[in-house]
Amino acid sequence: MNYLSWHKPAYQQLAQRAGRLPHALLLKGAAGIGKRAFASALAQGLLCEKPVLPLMACGACEACHWFDTGNHPDFRMLQPEAAEAAADDADVTDKAADKKKKRDISVAQVRALAAFINISAHRNGAKVVLIQPAEAMNVNAANALLKSLEEPPPETYFVLVSDRPHMLPATIRSRCEQLALNPPTAQEAAAWLAESGAAQPELALAQAGGAPLLAAELDNDAYWDGRKQFLDGLSSRGFDPLALAEKFATHPIPQLINWLQRWTYDLASLCFQQRLRYNPDFKEALTMSAKNANGLEILRFHRELVRFQRIVNHPLNARLLIEDLMLRYGRAVRG
């Protein structure tokens, strides 16, 4: 995998330091801008046996073939167990502890690196550990990683990827060199989406907050149809919170909350700054709603939605949660 075009300057700066790279590198930046592609390109560049340029993998040597098929003996990737065992999810029984565990990178996963780190490289070159997202490490896992970061064997590299580096322990951050990756410009992102075949690149980018990879995931009819019906309901003059909750009772709650967060953000922004960010196609409806809304109440409700993110993946009763959100929104709009 290659890095995305807007990260070429950052990658070239690292390539100029080939042979003098830090043993632990923390790649940070907004979600959906290509950090994982950057990390993968760096890992392959470190492992390639015939690089065409410093840290630029040839894609043709045996090491590159192993890396592309996920079988390189000198590479390990740590990610939440849910991603590693996605194929087995259908067979997992309804155990809350198991589900919580799968959202973390566990201490067992980190401890399993010990044998890998302390043996010689199979190909007499570098060894690379990629951890993504790094903030998924629980406290015990992060503590277990510290010793390896403090005293890594020669030619062993740790690449950590994080959307939310502030959630990492300070002890982890202090042992890594940090590299902030920037998002593309609006023009770069729109061009990339258009080349990828996106039907509504500008609107998808607005919905994704300018993150092109997140925008690409939205490019499907089911997303746009569901969003339109939901926002039409929110902006209806005869807004009925319980009727709208009933209509979307079986809809994925994380998506509903994301739509509601973006809608209330735009409402509050129109009330105070006369501009919107996420829903340009609903500008007229938002403007009408903002005229009658209490900006402070909308802003308070928007902040409350952040709290709901903590339970969004495991609500006690999905239907009651949706009804509660719709009623709260109705009260906020009416002030």
C-alpha atoms as a PDB file:
ATOM      1  CA  MET A   1       0.000   0.000   0.000  1.00  0.00           C
ATOM      2  CA  ASN A   2       1.262   3.470  -0.858  1.00  0.00           C
ATOM      3  CA  TYR A   3       0.747   6.665   1.079  1.00  0.00           C
ATOM      4  CA  LEU A   4      -1.777   9.176  -0.248  1.00  0.00           C
ATOM      5  CA  SER A   5      -0.579  12.020  -2.441  1.00  0.00           C
ATOM      6  CA  TRP A   6      -1.108  14.822   0.098  1.00  0.00           C
ATOM      7  CA  HIS A   7       1.278  13.098   2.509  1.00  0.00           C
ATOM      8  CA  LYS A   8       4.160  12.974   0.022  1.00  0.00           C
ATOM      9  CA  PRO A   9       6.117  15.859   1.666  1.00  0.00           C
ATOM     10  CA  ALA A  10       5.880  14.234   5.106  1.00  0.00           C
ATOM     11  CA  TYR A  11       6.979  10.861   3.726  1.00  0.00           C
ATOM     12  CA  GLN A  12       9.887  12.381   1.845  1.00  0.00           C
ATOM     13  CA  GLN A  13      11.088  14.063   5.033  1.00  0.00           C
ATOM     14  CA  LEU A  14      11.146  10.672   6.759  1.00  0.00           C
ATOM     15  CA  ALA A  15      12.880   9.085   3.771  1.00  0.00           C
ATOM     16  CA  GLN A  16      15.691  11.632   4.065  1.00  0.00           C
ATOM     17  CA  ARG A  17      16.325  10.207   7.525  1.00  0.00           C
ATOM     18  CA  ALA A  18      16.471   6.581   6.394  1.00  0.00           C
ATOM     19  CA  GLY A  19      18.971   4.808   8.599  1.00  0.00           C
ATOM     20  CA  ARG A  20      18.428   7.381  11.363  1.00  0.00           C
ATOM     21  CA  LEU A  21      14.724   6.879  12.053  1.00  0.00           C
ATOM     22  CA  PRO A  22      13.439   6.880  15.639  1.00  0.00           C
ATOM     23  CA  HIS A  23      12.724   3.466  17.082  1.00  0.00           C
ATOM     24  CA  ALA A  24       9.189   4.607  17.990  1.00  0.00           C
ATOM     25  CA  LEU A  25       7.100   6.903  15.808  1.00  0.00           C
ATOM     26  CA  LEU A  26       3.621   8.190  16.666  1.00  0.00           C
ATOM     27  CA  LEU A  27       1.593   9.185  13.601  1.00  0.00           C
ATOM     28  CA  LYS A  28      -1.253  11.454  14.647  1.00  0.00           C
ATOM     29  CA  GLY A  29      -3.992  13.385  12.913  1.00  0.00           C
ATOM     30  CA  ALA A  30      -7.703  13.476  12.201  1.00  0.00           C
ATOM     31  CA  ALA A  31      -9.540  10.253  11.386  1.00  0.00           C
ATOM     32  CA  GLY A  32      -9.972   9.396   7.723  1.00  0.00           C
ATOM     33  CA  ILE A  33      -7.032  11.310   6.240  1.00  0.00           C
ATOM     34  CA  GLY A  34      -4.781   8.340   5.367  1.00  0.00           C
ATOM     35  CA  LYS A  35      -2.584   7.772   8.438  1.00  0.00           C
ATOM     36  CA  ARG A  36      -2.932   4.014   8.163  1.00  0.00           C
ATOM     37  CA  ALA A  37      -1.884   4.026   4.522  1.00  0.00           C
ATOM     38  CA  PHE A  38       1.142   6.125   5.513  1.00  0.00           C
ATOM     39  CA  ALA A  39       2.042   3.708   8.316  1.00  0.00           C
ATOM     40  CA  SER A  40       1.662   0.679   6.059  1.00  0.00           C
ATOM     41  CA  ALA A  41       3.850   2.262   3.367  1.00  0.00           C
ATOM     42  CA  LEU A  42       6.490   3.052   5.990  1.00  0.00           C
ATOM     43  CA  ALA A  43       6.424  -0.490   7.393  1.00  0.00           C
ATOM     44  CA  GLN A  44       6.778  -2.010   3.922  1.00  0.00           C
ATOM     45  CA  GLY A  45       9.531   0.466   3.065  1.00  0.00           C
ATOM     46  CA  LEU A  46      11.484  -0.598   6.152  1.00  0.00           C
ATOM     47  CA  LEU A  47      11.094  -4.288   5.303  1.00  0.00           C
ATOM     48  CA  CYS A  48      11.665  -4.127   1.526  1.00  0.00           C
ATOM     49  CA  GLU A  49      14.886  -5.835   0.387  1.00  0.00           C
ATOM     50  CA  LYS A  50      15.286  -3.843  -2.842  1.00  0.00           C
ATOM     51  CA  PRO A  51      13.852  -0.352  -2.233  1.00  0.00           C
ATOM     52  CA  VAL A  52      13.746   1.825  -5.353  1.00  0.00           C
ATOM     53  CA  LEU A  53      14.399   4.873  -3.136  1.00  0.00           C
ATOM     54  CA  PRO A  54      14.968   5.224   0.617  1.00  0.00           C
ATOM     55  CA  LEU A  55      11.876   3.793   2.378  1.00  0.00           C
ATOM     56  CA  MET A  56      10.168   3.325  -1.011  1.00  0.00           C
ATOM     57  CA  ALA A  57       9.250  -0.365  -1.368  1.00  0.00           C
ATOM     58  CA  CYS A  58       9.836  -2.006  -4.725  1.00  0.00           C
ATOM     59  CA  GLY A  59       6.652  -4.074  -4.514  1.00  0.00           C
ATOM     60  CA  ALA A  60       8.343  -6.953  -6.329  1.00  0.00           C
ATOM     61  CA  CYS A  61      10.823  -8.590  -3.948  1.00  0.00           C
ATOM     62  CA  GLU A  62       9.964 -11.595  -1.808  1.00  0.00           C
ATOM     63  CA  ALA A  63       9.665  -9.426   1.302  1.00  0.00           C
ATOM     64  CA  CYS A  64       7.129  -7.168  -0.443  1.00  0.00           C
ATOM     65  CA  HIS A  65       5.084 -10.154  -1.578  1.00  0.00           C
ATOM     66  CA  TRP A  66       5.014 -11.473   1.979  1.00  0.00           C
ATOM     67  CA  PHE A  67       3.999  -8.066   3.288  1.00  0.00           C
ATOM     68  CA  ASP A  68       1.198  -7.700   0.723  1.00  0.00           C
ATOM     69  CA  THR A  69      -0.239 -11.079   1.696  1.00  0.00           C
ATOM     70  CA  GLY A  70       0.063 -10.384   5.438  1.00  0.00           C
ATOM     71  CA  ASN A  71       2.675 -13.090   5.992  1.00  0.00           C
ATOM     72  CA  HIS A  72       5.933 -11.221   6.547  1.00  0.00           C
ATOM     73  CA  PRO A  73       7.729 -12.935   9.464  1.00  0.00           C
ATOM     74  CA  ASP A  74       9.320  -9.669  10.630  1.00  0.00           C
ATOM     75  CA  PHE A  75       6.111  -7.662  10.800  1.00  0.00           C
ATOM     76  CA  ARG A  76       3.397  -7.599  13.452  1.00  0.00           C
ATOM     77  CA  MET A  77       0.253  -5.517  13.576  1.00  0.00           C
ATOM     78  CA  LEU A  78      -1.706  -4.950  16.766  1.00  0.00           C
ATOM     79  CA  GLN A  79      -5.301  -3.808  16.488  1.00  0.00           C
ATOM     80  CA  PRO A  80      -8.463  -4.359  18.542  1.00  0.00           C
ATOM     81  CA  GLU A  81      -9.481  -7.979  18.764  1.00  0.00           C
ATOM     82  CA  ALA A  82     -12.799  -7.115  17.095  1.00  0.00           C
ATOM     83  CA  ALA A  83     -10.900  -6.365  13.895  1.00  0.00           C
ATOM     84  CA  GLU A  84      -8.758  -9.480  14.189  1.00  0.00           C
ATOM     85  CA  ALA A  85     -11.695 -11.800  14.852  1.00  0.00           C
ATOM     86  CA  ALA A  86     -14.429 -10.152  12.762  1.00  0.00           C
ATOM     87  CA  ALA A  87     -15.079 -13.396  10.947  1.00  0.00           C
ATOM     88  CA  ASP A  88     -15.850 -15.115  14.252  1.00  0.00           C
ATOM     89  CA  ASP A  89     -18.261 -12.489  15.596  1.00  0.00           C
ATOM     90  CA  ALA A  90     -21.341 -14.422  14.476  1.00  0.00           C
ATOM     91  CA  ASP A  91     -20.322 -17.269  16.769  1.00  0.00           C
ATOM     92  CA  VAL A  92     -19.675 -15.158  19.850  1.00  0.00           C
ATOM     93  CA  THR A  93     -22.296 -15.455  22.550  1.00  0.00           C
ATOM     94  CA  ASP A  94     -23.823 -12.375  24.143  1.00  0.00           C
ATOM     95  CA  LYS A  95     -21.231 -11.762  26.843  1.00  0.00           C
ATOM     96  CA  ALA A  96     -20.656  -8.131  27.728  1.00  0.00           C
ATOM     97  CA  ALA A  97     -17.112  -8.799  28.936  1.00  0.00           C
ATOM     98  CA  ASP A  98     -16.149 -10.409  25.631  1.00  0.00           C
ATOM     99  CA  LYS A  99     -17.621  -7.539  23.635  1.00  0.00           C
ATOM    100  CA  LYS A 100     -15.767  -4.938  25.708  1.00  0.00           C
ATOM    101  CA  LYS A 101     -12.549  -6.863  25.415  1.00  0.00           C
ATOM    102  CA  LYS A 102     -12.823  -6.940  21.653  1.00  0.00           C
ATOM    103  CA  ARG A 103     -12.846  -3.148  21.472  1.00  0.00           C
ATOM    104  CA  ASP A 104      -9.433  -2.973  23.167  1.00  0.00           C
ATOM    105  CA  ILE A 105      -5.892  -3.918  22.338  1.00  0.00           C
ATOM    106  CA  SER A 106      -5.306  -6.211  25.286  1.00  0.00           C
ATOM    107  CA  VAL A 107      -2.285  -6.749  27.503  1.00  0.00           C
ATOM    108  CA  ALA A 108      -2.097 -10.320  26.183  1.00  0.00           C
ATOM    109  CA  GLN A 109      -1.653  -9.022  22.642  1.00  0.00           C
ATOM    110  CA  VAL A 110       1.185  -6.737  23.729  1.00  0.00           C
ATOM    111  CA  ARG A 111       2.897  -9.427  25.817  1.00  0.00           C
ATOM    112  CA  ALA A 112       2.772 -11.757  22.822  1.00  0.00           C
ATOM    113  CA  LEU A 113       5.201  -9.369  21.105  1.00  0.00           C
ATOM    114  CA  ALA A 114       7.999 -10.324  23.501  1.00  0.00           C
ATOM    115  CA  ALA A 115       9.104 -13.393  21.576  1.00  0.00           C
ATOM    116  CA  PHE A 116       8.912 -11.530  18.273  1.00  0.00           C
ATOM    117  CA  ILE A 117      10.936  -8.567  19.526  1.00  0.00           C
ATOM    118  CA  ASN A 118      13.683 -10.572  21.189  1.00  0.00           C
ATOM    119  CA  ILE A 119      14.542 -12.993  18.396  1.00  0.00           C
ATOM    120  CA  SER A 120      16.658 -12.195  15.374  1.00  0.00           C
ATOM    121  CA  ALA A 121      14.952 -11.010  12.217  1.00  0.00           C
ATOM    122  CA  HIS A 122      14.177 -13.809   9.780  1.00  0.00           C
ATOM    123  CA  ARG A 123      15.438 -11.752   6.846  1.00  0.00           C
ATOM    124  CA  ASN A 124      18.444 -10.216   8.636  1.00  0.00           C
ATOM    125  CA  GLY A 125      16.874  -6.777   8.339  1.00  0.00           C
ATOM    126  CA  ALA A 126      14.393  -4.677  10.259  1.00  0.00           C
ATOM    127  CA  LYS A 127      11.476  -5.763  12.401  1.00  0.00           C
ATOM    128  CA  VAL A 128       8.365  -3.582  12.487  1.00  0.00           C
ATOM    129  CA  VAL A 129       5.431  -3.427  14.915  1.00  0.00           C
ATOM    130  CA  LEU A 130       2.406  -1.411  13.770  1.00  0.00           C
ATOM    131  CA  ILE A 131      -0.183  -0.496  16.429  1.00  0.00           C
ATOM    132  CA  GLN A 132      -3.473   1.006  15.251  1.00  0.00           C
ATOM    133  CA  PRO A 133      -5.327   2.726  16.731  1.00  0.00           C
ATOM    134  CA  ALA A 134      -2.828   3.143  19.534  1.00  0.00           C
ATOM    135  CA  GLU A 135      -5.428   4.671  21.866  1.00  0.00           C
ATOM    136  CA  ALA A 136      -7.256   1.322  21.806  1.00  0.00           C
ATOM    137  CA  MET A 137      -4.608  -0.088  24.154  1.00  0.00           C
ATOM    138  CA  ASN A 138      -6.055  -0.463  27.621  1.00  0.00           C
ATOM    139  CA  VAL A 139      -4.038   0.710  30.628  1.00  0.00           C
ATOM    140  CA  ASN A 140      -2.364  -2.643  31.210  1.00  0.00           C
ATOM    141  CA  ALA A 141      -1.475  -3.019  27.542  1.00  0.00           C
ATOM    142  CA  ALA A 142       0.085   0.458  27.434  1.00  0.00           C
ATOM    143  CA  ASN A 143       2.128  -0.285  30.552  1.00  0.00           C
ATOM    144  CA  ALA A 144       3.303  -3.571  29.072  1.00  0.00           C
ATOM    145  CA  LEU A 145       4.490  -1.763  25.936  1.00  0.00           C
ATOM    146  CA  LEU A 146       6.598   0.762  27.861  1.00  0.00           C
ATOM    147  CA  LYS A 147       9.600  -1.506  28.459  1.00  0.00           C
ATOM    148  CA  SER A 148       9.796  -2.407  24.777  1.00  0.00           C
ATOM    149  CA  LEU A 149       9.689   1.270  23.829  1.00  0.00           C
ATOM    150  CA  GLU A 150      12.392   2.120  26.375  1.00  0.00           C
ATOM    151  CA  GLU A 151      14.842  -0.627  25.414  1.00  0.00           C
ATOM    152  CA  PRO A 152      14.093  -1.836  21.881  1.00  0.00           C
ATOM    153  CA  PRO A 153      16.508  -4.256  20.207  1.00  0.00           C
ATOM    154  CA  PRO A 154      18.494  -2.864  17.267  1.00  0.00           C
ATOM    155  CA  GLU A 155      16.610  -2.445  13.980  1.00  0.00           C
ATOM    156  CA  THR A 156      13.227  -2.816  15.707  1.00  0.00           C
ATOM    157  CA  TYR A 157      10.689  -0.118  14.892  1.00  0.00           C
ATOM    158  CA  PHE A 158       7.352   0.694  16.519  1.00  0.00           C
ATOM    159  CA  VAL A 159       4.843   2.683  14.470  1.00  0.00           C
ATOM    160  CA  LEU A 160       1.809   3.881  16.438  1.00  0.00           C
ATOM    161  CA  VAL A 161      -1.201   5.391  14.670  1.00  0.00           C
ATOM    162  CA  SER A 162      -3.669   7.544  16.586  1.00  0.00           C
ATOM    163  CA  ASP A 163      -6.713   9.675  15.829  1.00  0.00           C
ATOM    164  CA  ARG A 164      -6.830  10.788  19.473  1.00  0.00           C
ATOM    165  CA  PRO A 165      -3.269  10.928  20.833  1.00  0.00           C
ATOM    166  CA  HIS A 166      -4.433  12.787  23.946  1.00  0.00           C
ATOM    167  CA  MET A 167      -5.988   9.495  25.074  1.00  0.00           C
ATOM    168  CA  LEU A 168      -2.583   7.815  25.155  1.00  0.00           C
ATOM    169  CA  PRO A 169      -0.684   7.808  28.457  1.00  0.00           C
ATOM    170  CA  ALA A 170       1.935  10.558  28.668  1.00  0.00           C
ATOM    171  CA  THR A 171       4.555   7.859  29.242  1.00  0.00           C
ATOM    172  CA  ILE A 172       3.810   6.377  25.798  1.00  0.00           C
ATOM    173  CA  ARG A 173       3.780   9.741  24.032  1.00  0.00           C
ATOM    174  CA  SER A 174       7.064  10.791  25.624  1.00  0.00           C
ATOM    175  CA  ARG A 175       8.853   7.712  24.288  1.00  0.00           C
ATOM    176  CA  CYS A 176       7.780   8.311  20.705  1.00  0.00           C
ATOM    177  CA  GLU A 177       8.754  10.877  18.148  1.00  0.00           C
ATOM    178  CA  GLN A 178       5.465  12.420  17.048  1.00  0.00           C
ATOM    179  CA  LEU A 179       4.614  13.210  13.451  1.00  0.00           C
ATOM    180  CA  ALA A 180       1.410  15.136  12.765  1.00  0.00           C
ATOM    181  CA  LEU A 181      -0.100  14.286   9.379  1.00  0.00           C
ATOM    182  CA  ASN A 182      -2.205  17.020   7.826  1.00  0.00           C
ATOM    183  CA  PRO A 183      -5.516  16.561   6.023  1.00  0.00           C
ATOM    184  CA  PRO A 184      -5.651  17.323   2.307  1.00  0.00           C
ATOM    185  CA  THR A 185      -6.937  20.626   1.028  1.00  0.00           C
ATOM    186  CA  ALA A 186     -10.584  20.673  -0.003  1.00  0.00           C
ATOM    187  CA  GLN A 187      -9.514  20.618  -3.650  1.00  0.00           C
ATOM    188  CA  GLU A 188      -7.175  17.648  -3.155  1.00  0.00           C
ATOM    189  CA  ALA A 189      -9.810  15.709  -1.239  1.00  0.00           C
ATOM    190  CA  ALA A 190     -12.558  16.401  -3.780  1.00  0.00           C
ATOM    191  CA  ALA A 191     -10.285  15.420  -6.670  1.00  0.00           C
ATOM    192  CA  TRP A 192      -9.316  12.163  -4.943  1.00  0.00           C
ATOM    193  CA  LEU A 193     -12.962  11.312  -4.266  1.00  0.00           C
ATOM    194  CA  ALA A 194     -13.967  12.118  -7.838  1.00  0.00           C
ATOM    195  CA  GLU A 195     -11.196   9.857  -9.158  1.00  0.00           C
ATOM    196  CA  SER A 196     -12.470   7.152  -6.821  1.00  0.00           C
ATOM    197  CA  GLY A 197     -15.897   7.415  -8.457  1.00  0.00           C
ATOM    198  CA  ALA A 198     -17.783   9.172  -5.650  1.00  0.00           C
ATOM    199  CA  ALA A 199     -21.166  10.461  -6.814  1.00  0.00           C
ATOM    200  CA  GLN A 200     -21.339  13.426  -4.407  1.00  0.00           C
ATOM    201  CA  PRO A 201     -17.754  14.261  -3.416  1.00  0.00           C
ATOM    202  CA  GLU A 202     -18.378  17.783  -2.073  1.00  0.00           C
ATOM    203  CA  LEU A 203     -21.379  16.795   0.035  1.00  0.00           C
ATOM    204  CA  ALA A 204     -19.658  13.634   1.283  1.00  0.00           C
ATOM    205  CA  LEU A 205     -16.637  15.707   2.310  1.00  0.00           C
ATOM    206  CA  ALA A 206     -18.871  18.145   4.171  1.00  0.00           C
ATOM    207  CA  GLN A 207     -20.499  15.265   6.030  1.00  0.00           C
ATOM    208  CA  ALA A 208     -17.093  13.773   6.861  1.00  0.00           C
ATOM    209  CA  GLY A 209     -15.615  17.055   8.080  1.00  0.00           C
ATOM    210  CA  GLY A 210     -13.136  17.133   5.183  1.00  0.00           C
ATOM    211  CA  ALA A 211     -11.755  13.603   5.765  1.00  0.00           C
ATOM    212  CA  PRO A 212     -11.681  11.912   2.331  1.00  0.00           C
ATOM    213  CA  LEU A 213     -11.478   8.287   3.493  1.00  0.00           C
ATOM    214  CA  LEU A 214     -14.477   8.765   5.772  1.00  0.00           C
ATOM    215  CA  ALA A 215     -16.275  10.535   2.924  1.00  0.00           C
ATOM    216  CA  ALA A 216     -15.641   7.566   0.631  1.00  0.00           C
ATOM    217  CA  GLU A 217     -17.391   5.268   3.115  1.00  0.00           C
ATOM    218  CA  LEU A 218     -20.547   7.426   2.893  1.00  0.00           C
ATOM    219  CA  ASP A 219     -20.908   7.094  -0.861  1.00  0.00           C
ATOM    220  CA  ASN A 220     -23.865   4.740  -0.995  1.00  0.00           C
ATOM    221  CA  ASP A 221     -27.578   5.208  -1.606  1.00  0.00           C
ATOM    222  CA  ALA A 222     -28.646   3.713   1.724  1.00  0.00           C
ATOM    223  CA  TYR A 223     -26.678   6.349   3.645  1.00  0.00           C
ATOM    224  CA  TRP A 224     -28.007   9.303   1.658  1.00  0.00           C
ATOM    225  CA  ASP A 225     -31.602   8.043   1.603  1.00  0.00           C
ATOM    226  CA  GLY A 226     -31.630   7.417   5.358  1.00  0.00           C
ATOM    227  CA  ARG A 227     -30.008  10.756   6.105  1.00  0.00           C
ATOM    228  CA  LYS A 228     -32.515  12.652   3.948  1.00  0.00           C
ATOM    229  CA  GLN A 229     -35.492  11.019   5.635  1.00  0.00           C
ATOM    230  CA  PHE A 230     -34.068  11.691   9.096  1.00  0.00           C
ATOM    231  CA  LEU A 231     -33.191  15.340   8.426  1.00  0.00           C
ATOM    232  CA  ASP A 232     -36.518  15.915   6.682  1.00  0.00           C
ATOM    233  CA  GLY A 233     -38.165  14.701   9.883  1.00  0.00           C
ATOM    234  CA  LEU A 234     -36.025  16.957  12.087  1.00  0.00           C
ATOM    235  CA  SER A 235     -36.764  20.041   9.984  1.00  0.00           C
ATOM    236  CA  SER A 236     -40.470  19.369   9.449  1.00  0.00           C
ATOM    237  CA  ARG A 237     -42.812  22.114  10.681  1.00  0.00           C
ATOM    238  CA  GLY A 238     -44.910  19.403  12.267  1.00  0.00           C
ATOM    239  CA  PHE A 239     -41.922  17.747  13.938  1.00  0.00           C
ATOM    240  CA  ASP A 240     -43.167  14.760  15.920  1.00  0.00           C
ATOM    241  CA  PRO A 241     -40.345  13.360  18.079  1.00  0.00           C
ATOM    242  CA  LEU A 242     -42.053  10.067  18.907  1.00  0.00           C
ATOM    243  CA  ALA A 243     -43.133   9.440  15.320  1.00  0.00           C
ATOM    244  CA  LEU A 244     -39.607  10.065  14.060  1.00  0.00           C
ATOM    245  CA  ALA A 245     -38.192   7.831  16.795  1.00  0.00           C
ATOM    246  CA  GLU A 246     -40.607   5.073  15.788  1.00  0.00           C
ATOM    247  CA  LYS A 247     -39.617   5.395  12.129  1.00  0.00           C
ATOM    248  CA  PHE A 248     -35.903   5.008  12.949  1.00  0.00           C
ATOM    249  CA  ALA A 249     -36.276   2.587  15.860  1.00  0.00           C
ATOM    250  CA  THR A 250     -34.172  -0.099  14.159  1.00  0.00           C
ATOM    251  CA  HIS A 251     -31.636   2.222  12.535  1.00  0.00           C
ATOM    252  CA  PRO A 252     -28.009   2.021  13.758  1.00  0.00           C
ATOM    253  CA  ILE A 253     -27.784   4.394  16.699  1.00  0.00           C
ATOM    254  CA  PRO A 254     -24.196   5.568  16.034  1.00  0.00           C
ATOM    255  CA  GLN A 255     -25.268   6.851  12.631  1.00  0.00           C
ATOM    256  CA  LEU A 256     -28.344   8.598  14.029  1.00  0.00           C
ATOM    257  CA  ILE A 257     -26.272  10.351  16.675  1.00  0.00           C
ATOM    258  CA  ASN A 258     -23.713  11.413  14.074  1.00  0.00           C
ATOM    259  CA  TRP A 259     -26.469  12.897  11.905  1.00  0.00           C
ATOM    260  CA  LEU A 260     -27.974  14.635  14.936  1.00  0.00           C
ATOM    261  CA  GLN A 261     -24.604  15.978  16.073  1.00  0.00           C
ATOM    262  CA  ARG A 262     -23.869  17.466  12.668  1.00  0.00           C
ATOM    263  CA  TRP A 263     -27.381  18.913  12.431  1.00  0.00           C
ATOM    264  CA  THR A 264     -27.236  20.581  15.846  1.00  0.00           C
ATOM    265  CA  TYR A 265     -23.719  21.842  15.147  1.00  0.00           C
ATOM    266  CA  ASP A 266     -24.981  23.587  12.017  1.00  0.00           C
ATOM    267  CA  LEU A 267     -28.024  24.938  13.867  1.00  0.00           C
ATOM    268  CA  ALA A 268     -25.905  26.433  16.636  1.00  0.00           C
ATOM    269  CA  SER A 269     -23.409  27.758  14.114  1.00  0.00           C
ATOM    270  CA  LEU A 270     -26.173  29.517  12.187  1.00  0.00           C
ATOM    271  CA  CYS A 271     -27.563  30.987  15.388  1.00  0.00           C
ATOM    272  CA  PHE A 272     -24.222  32.465  16.448  1.00  0.00           C
ATOM    273  CA  GLN A 273     -22.062  32.780  13.330  1.00  0.00           C
ATOM    274  CA  GLN A 274     -24.454  32.628  10.382  1.00  0.00           C
ATOM    275  CA  ARG A 275     -22.629  29.761   8.705  1.00  0.00           C
ATOM    276  CA  LEU A 276     -22.889  25.985   8.416  1.00  0.00           C
ATOM    277  CA  ARG A 277     -20.438  23.182   7.904  1.00  0.00           C
ATOM    278  CA  TYR A 278     -21.914  19.715   7.527  1.00  0.00           C
ATOM    279  CA  ASN A 279     -25.248  20.007   5.725  1.00  0.00           C
ATOM    280  CA  PRO A 280     -25.019  22.504   2.864  1.00  0.00           C
ATOM    281  CA  ASP A 281     -27.826  20.737   0.983  1.00  0.00           C
ATOM    282  CA  PHE A 282     -30.195  21.547   3.894  1.00  0.00           C
ATOM    283  CA  LYS A 283     -29.219  25.199   4.162  1.00  0.00           C
ATOM    284  CA  GLU A 284     -32.758  26.521   3.655  1.00  0.00           C
ATOM    285  CA  ALA A 285     -34.305  24.140   6.197  1.00  0.00           C
ATOM    286  CA  LEU A 286     -31.563  24.844   8.727  1.00  0.00           C
ATOM    287  CA  THR A 287     -31.923  28.587   8.276  1.00  0.00           C
ATOM    288  CA  MET A 288     -35.662  28.386   8.921  1.00  0.00           C
ATOM    289  CA  SER A 289     -35.128  26.193  11.981  1.00  0.00           C
ATOM    290  CA  ALA A 290     -32.439  28.521  13.340  1.00  0.00           C
ATOM    291  CA  LYS A 291     -34.810  31.498  13.210  1.00  0.00           C
ATOM    292  CA  ASN A 292     -37.081  29.904  15.793  1.00  0.00           C
ATOM    293  CA  ALA A 293     -34.451  28.026  17.812  1.00  0.00           C
ATOM    294  CA  ASN A 294     -32.807  28.991  21.084  1.00  0.00           C
ATOM    295  CA  GLY A 295     -29.104  28.920  20.224  1.00  0.00           C
ATOM    296  CA  LEU A 296     -27.922  28.281  23.783  1.00  0.00           C
ATOM    297  CA  GLU A 297     -30.311  25.356  24.244  1.00  0.00           C
ATOM    298  CA  ILE A 298     -29.205  23.856  20.925  1.00  0.00           C
ATOM    299  CA  LEU A 299     -25.562  24.235  21.942  1.00  0.00           C
ATOM    300  CA  ARG A 300     -26.209  22.555  25.295  1.00  0.00           C
ATOM    301  CA  PHE A 301     -27.985  19.669  23.582  1.00  0.00           C
ATOM    302  CA  HIS A 302     -25.137  19.330  21.074  1.00  0.00           C
ATOM    303  CA  ARG A 303     -22.699  18.972  23.968  1.00  0.00           C
ATOM    304  CA  GLU A 304     -24.952  16.400  25.621  1.00  0.00           C
ATOM    305  CA  LEU A 305     -24.698  14.274  22.490  1.00  0.00           C
ATOM    306  CA  VAL A 306     -20.977  13.872  23.149  1.00  0.00           C
ATOM    307  CA  ARG A 307     -21.878  12.120  26.408  1.00  0.00           C
ATOM    308  CA  PHE A 308     -24.087   9.671  24.536  1.00  0.00           C
ATOM    309  CA  GLN A 309     -21.079   8.541  22.486  1.00  0.00           C
ATOM    310  CA  ARG A 310     -19.941   6.578  25.552  1.00  0.00           C
ATOM    311  CA  ILE A 311     -22.950   4.270  25.393  1.00  0.00           C
ATOM    312  CA  VAL A 312     -23.711   4.475  21.687  1.00  0.00           C
ATOM    313  CA  ASN A 313     -22.494   0.934  20.927  1.00  0.00           C
ATOM    314  CA  HIS A 314     -24.250  -0.749  23.853  1.00  0.00           C
ATOM    315  CA  PRO A 315     -27.414   1.112  24.900  1.00  0.00           C
ATOM    316  CA  LEU A 316     -29.610  -0.649  27.428  1.00  0.00           C
ATOM    317  CA  ASN A 317     -32.687   0.002  25.291  1.00  0.00           C
ATOM    318  CA  ALA A 318     -32.160   1.352  21.772  1.00  0.00           C
ATOM    319  CA  ARG A 319     -35.780   2.397  21.225  1.00  0.00           C
ATOM    320  CA  LEU A 320     -35.945   4.357  24.484  1.00  0.00           C
ATOM    321  CA  LEU A 321     -32.621   6.031  23.723  1.00  0.00           C
ATOM    322  CA  ILE A 322     -33.840   7.226  20.317  1.00  0.00           C
ATOM    323  CA  GLU A 323     -37.110   8.491  21.809  1.00  0.00           C
ATOM    324  CA  ASP A 324     -35.187  10.324  24.520  1.00  0.00           C
ATOM    325  CA  LEU A 325     -32.898  11.967  21.956  1.00  0.00           C
ATOM    326  CA  MET A 326     -35.833  13.121  19.839  1.00  0.00           C
ATOM    327  CA  LEU A 327     -37.672  14.548  22.856  1.00  0.00           C
ATOM    328  CA  ARG A 328     -34.534  16.332  24.037  1.00  0.00           C
ATOM    329  CA  TYR A 329     -34.038  17.784  20.564  1.00  0.00           C
ATOM    330  CA  GLY A 330     -37.639  18.961  20.467  1.00  0.00           C
ATOM    331  CA  ARG A 331     -37.224  20.748  23.800  1.00  0.00           C
ATOM    332  CA  ALA A 332     -33.944  22.309  22.664  1.00  0.00           C
ATOM    333  CA  VAL A 333     -35.441  23.624  19.432  1.00  0.00           C
ATOM    334  CA  ARG A 334     -38.400  25.105  21.253  1.00  0.00           C
ATOM    335  CA  GLY A 335     -36.122  26.650  23.887  1.00  0.00           C
END
